[in-house]
Amino acid sequence: MRFDFFSSESFRLTNPLHLLPLTNKSSMKQIIITIVLCLTFNLPGISALNVQKTEPAFWWSGMQNTELQILLYGNDISTDNVSLSASDIRIKEIVRLENPNYLLVYLDLTETAPQQFDIILKKNGEQAVIPYQIKDRKDSPAGAKGFDASDVLYLIMPDRFANGNPDNDRVAGMLENKVDRSDSFARHGGDIQGIENHLDYFTDLGVTAIWLNPILENNMREGSYHGYAITDYYAVDPRLGNNQDFCRMVETAHNKGLKIVMDMIFNHCGSEHFFFKDKPSDNWFNFQNNFTQTSYQTMPQMDIHRSDYDKTKSVDGWFTESMPDLNQRNRHVATYLIQNSIWWIEYAGIDGIRQDTHPYADFEMMARWCRAVKAEYPDFNIVGETWLGSNVGVSFWQEDSKVAYPRNSYLPTVMDFPLTGLMSYVFDEETNEWDRGLAKIYDYLSQDIVYANPMNLLVFLDNHDTSRFYKTKPSSDLNRYKQALAFLLTVRGIPQIYYGTEILMAGDKANGDGVLRNDFPGGWKGDKINAFIPTGRDSLQTEAFTYMQKLLRWRAGNEVVAKGSYKHFIPRNGVYVYERRLGNRSIVVLLNGTDEKKMLDLAPYREVLPASSANELLSGKSIRLDSSLSLSARDVMILEF
């Protein structure tokens, strides 16, 4: 039996000895002697059996799925006899894996009421008692609201946003304790408290949901700041805070009308995870005995001409050697991952999930996961990272896709990467009617028939993996920014803003991922510039922030943009025009995609111009809609009817 008394949080919370006053060295010595005696003589309640992990640590009654998998991890426990102290909980199955340090216990909770009970392990006359709790769902935090096109998501990399608690910058026992803000690959110290401290900033800006890059433990030797190599699926990284900090932040955000979207990774974990360091079975990971890197090409998932070799290397290959690829075809792995996501929804009350590298995982398992989540939380939404270069490729992954039929991913929302690619340059080109500038936007959107639900596309200018919309900070006018932002917030789909876009943060992926994830100025004590407050922004940043804020506040609660139909016109004379309509309300957006002033003949657009004048949102002026309309170079107008 092994206890790490002075680093184990569970021991400190459950053992009364830690409450004794340590007034002198003698007191400490007495406690140590008491502990040694307990271990030596195996006093009642103290077992020589060693259970280091119990996952999940607790569960709930009243779930739609009444089966619960409990994973137990400890030294040589696989042959232990298992029993329960509860009379209304049935053991469905006990799974003893190849590795003797694992034991999987499947329970039937069909008739189970909220309660505390014991899982009892016995072997060779010794006994381990593991307290377990089934909670009442009525006590769970309110959440699982989902997100949709009425929302605007604000994406944050927690380590790079704000440092609210410098005391957790370095945590004893973590493999990477370097904090160096001058190193773009090191940890910078941002945390959950820092995000919570600025919730009013988000509400003032006008976004409705916060999407956090991964916050779970990444106890890796380097590069742990980004969070994508999880080493504990049930614990917040202590350098960001703890589980209670996260739950408190979620509750506070909800009280301010903000939703929380949590990043999850099912394709792989970190190589420091106990799963990998002490593998449960010979098929818990793909290529676990012979590292094989993925091809990073996911088209073989849908390619009817694919070779088996390409499909296997794509799906089963590892992202990197430090991120071993989980085998979701293993039913125990699949159940573990599905339960983990449901645990976080129920425990913390999150409102949505963004699933990393969705096409790299097993298609059938991920479809099963989506269905399981929706069965428990019908209003919940999941967006999968579907980084493909074509709309056909992206559409394959959306729920009820015609392209994938008869297969179905059941993934409600997919990421519109092809549109992001277009938006990175079309606002710089001169628009014609065929193949330049906004004509490419028209051409792309005219193919939305490939999507089962175009309104459930996540649309974005940039994110933590792409060059920022501005590779270098603009020095003069904001025409490009204003057109792109107006389009992003009025086109079909669910908009996402990357943190700092409102203050023109810049970054070029060619210079490394770290520069795409720079610190938000003002998030650290002692920062010379604080862009969280108006006086900390220069004139250009103020113009950008005010413009975004105006659009976001107008968009909030605007059902025309959230639910309305989309109708557009072939670009004429360099101008792209489209309408969003719901019932008798509508908006019409006009974008001049050229560097010249344009006089637009309104005759072709009469079907979307129901009145002789309209209020123009951005200028606040009433615009006459006679025979023609004048637009300045790179102009944008939003007419309201």
Foldseek 3Di string as FASTA:
>chain_A
DDDPCPPDPVNCVPPCLVVDDCPDPVSVVVSVVVVVVCQVVVPPQRWPFFWDDWPPQAEAPDFPDQKDKIKTFGDQQLPWDKDKPDDQKAFPDWDRAPFSRIIITIIGCNPPDWDKIWIWTDDPHTIHTRIYTHHYLVPFDAAQQADFQLFAEEEALQQFEFAQDQVLLADPPQLANDADQVDLFHGPQGALNLVLVQLVLPVLLQGAEYEYQAQAADSDNTSPSRPPAHQDLQWGHVSRPTPVSLLVSQVSNVVVRHAYEYEDELFWHFCNHPCNVRPRHPQQAFCSVHAAAAPCDLCVVQDPPDDPVNNCSHQRHAPDPRTTTGQCVPVVSLSSVLVSVVCCCRHRNHHEYEYEPVSSYDQVSQLVSLVSVCSRRVSGAYEYEQDDQAPLSQQCQDAPFPSVPPDGSNHHAYEPNNVLVLLLPLLPWQDDLDDGRCNVVVVRVVPCVRHPDQLRYEYENDELQAWHSAQDADDDDCLSVLVSLVCQSQPRYHYYYYPPVLQRQGHHCVVPSSSSSHHQQQSYPPRPAHPSDPVRGDPVSNVSSVSSSLSSNVSNVPVQRRPFDKDWDRDDPQKTKMKRDDDPKIKIKIWRSFQAKDKAFCVVPCVRVVDQWFQWRPVRDIGGNDGIDIAGGRGMTITID
